[in-house]
Structures are given as structure tokens and as C-alpha cells.
Amino acid sequence: MIPQLNYTYAITQRLVNNFILNGNYYSVVGGANTAAQLKLIPLAIGISDGGASGGGFPTLTPTLNTGRIGQQLGIIDDLSWEIGKHTLQFGVNNRENRISSTANLSGTLPSYSFGDLADYAQGLVTDSKNFNSFSQSFPLQPSVHIRVDSLGFYAQDEWKVLNNLNVTYGARFEYQGNPWCKENCYSRANTVFLGTGYQAEASVPYTLRCRVGSIRTSPSWKASSRSRAWG
């Protein structure tokens, strides 16, 4: 679903404003009536031995409501003003992306896997030579909410110097935020994964930025030019 609202307002014959409000929504969530399924079978069981053709039995497992929901909200506004031989334009573009994910729930069910039918009959899951196993996860955050923000604004002038010569000049400023998590679910990439000094607590935010290129800072605007950043 992608709704959009576009409104153009002629304030005067030479002053016009164009406003656009748009959004995007999608849902990819699986599972149907998980609560009813859990009442029937609150765990997952897989047996790869026996069966009608010796290939094992169908895996019994409830379907959890896991997946993600995505949303995007955008605001665009442009103002055009004709003054003599000049056409001044100003604008702003603001966008926010939101993703809510429940993928952490996918491993929370107690899951048994048996490679031998006799081990299943005896309830023996510690016999690894028959590929028996048990697994269950306990996520600190069953659902997480990811956010990505961006903001841009510009000003430019189109100067009609001659009938056959136009000069256009202006400036544009962009802010591209790092993806961030409301639950502080990112780990800081401050060292080798799981190495000495590695920080992975839930309270550690994702704040590392790597920059390449040349950076120049204006004393008044504090704006960066010719730079790239990854977070």
C-alpha cells in the first residue's frame, strides 16, 4: 500500500508551493492462530528414522507469527518564487523508514530432533551419533524496531542572464542517519567479533562511523562536503 497526497498552492502568480506527503506499508508475517496450535502441540518434533518408506516422519511443529512489518513516511515541500530575472527555489525532503521484526521468536519453541526411532521411544536426546538434538532459544528481545532517518534541504537560483543564457547555482545539505534500534539491539563494531574488549550488551548503541574522503567544515553551517560515511 503506497498512498500519496500532492497539493500545489499558487500563493501568487509568481509564488507557488508544492507539498507531497507519501507513505508505504507492508506486512510479511507468517503463522495462523498460533495460540490454538500451541494448545495442541507446544513443541516441535522431527524424526528422520522409520516411516512408510524409511525416510522418517513429517515434522510436527506449530507455525509462529514471525516476520516483519515495514513502514515509510516521506514529506517533500518545494517553494518557487520568481523575482525579475531570478527564479528562487527552496525545498525540504524528510523520510523515515520503520521496520518491526519478530524473527527472534523463530527458535523459541522447544525443538527435538531424533535420528533413531528407538531413541525417540526412550526419550533419549543425548545420543549424538544418531544425530539426536534439542534446541530452544531465549531472546532478550522477542521483537525489535529498526529505524532509518534521512533529511535533505536545498536552495537554488535560476538567473536568466540573457534570452539564451541561464545560470543556475545553489546548495544542498543532506543528513543520512545510521540505522538504529529502539531496544539498543545493535552491537558496537569496536573490535574483532567476540575478541578481547568486544562489547555486545543490550545497552551498547550502534555508534561507530567510518569516513573516507576529504572533509571541510564551515564555521557557521558545520556542513561536510565530499565525504562518504558508513555506519
Foldseek 3Di string as FASTA:
>chain_A
DKDKDWDKDCPDPFKIKIKMKIKDKDWDWDFDPQVVLCVVPQAKEFEQADDPVGRGDDIDDHDDGWDKMKMKIKIKMKMWGDDPQKIKMKMKIKMKIKMKGQVLCPFAGWYWYFQDPVCVVVVNQPPPVSPTHIGHDDDPDSMKMKMWIKMKMKMKMWGCPDPPDIDIDIDMAMDTDAIWIPQQQDFEPPDPVVDPPGDGDSPDHHDDKDKDADFDQDPPPRGTPGIDIDD
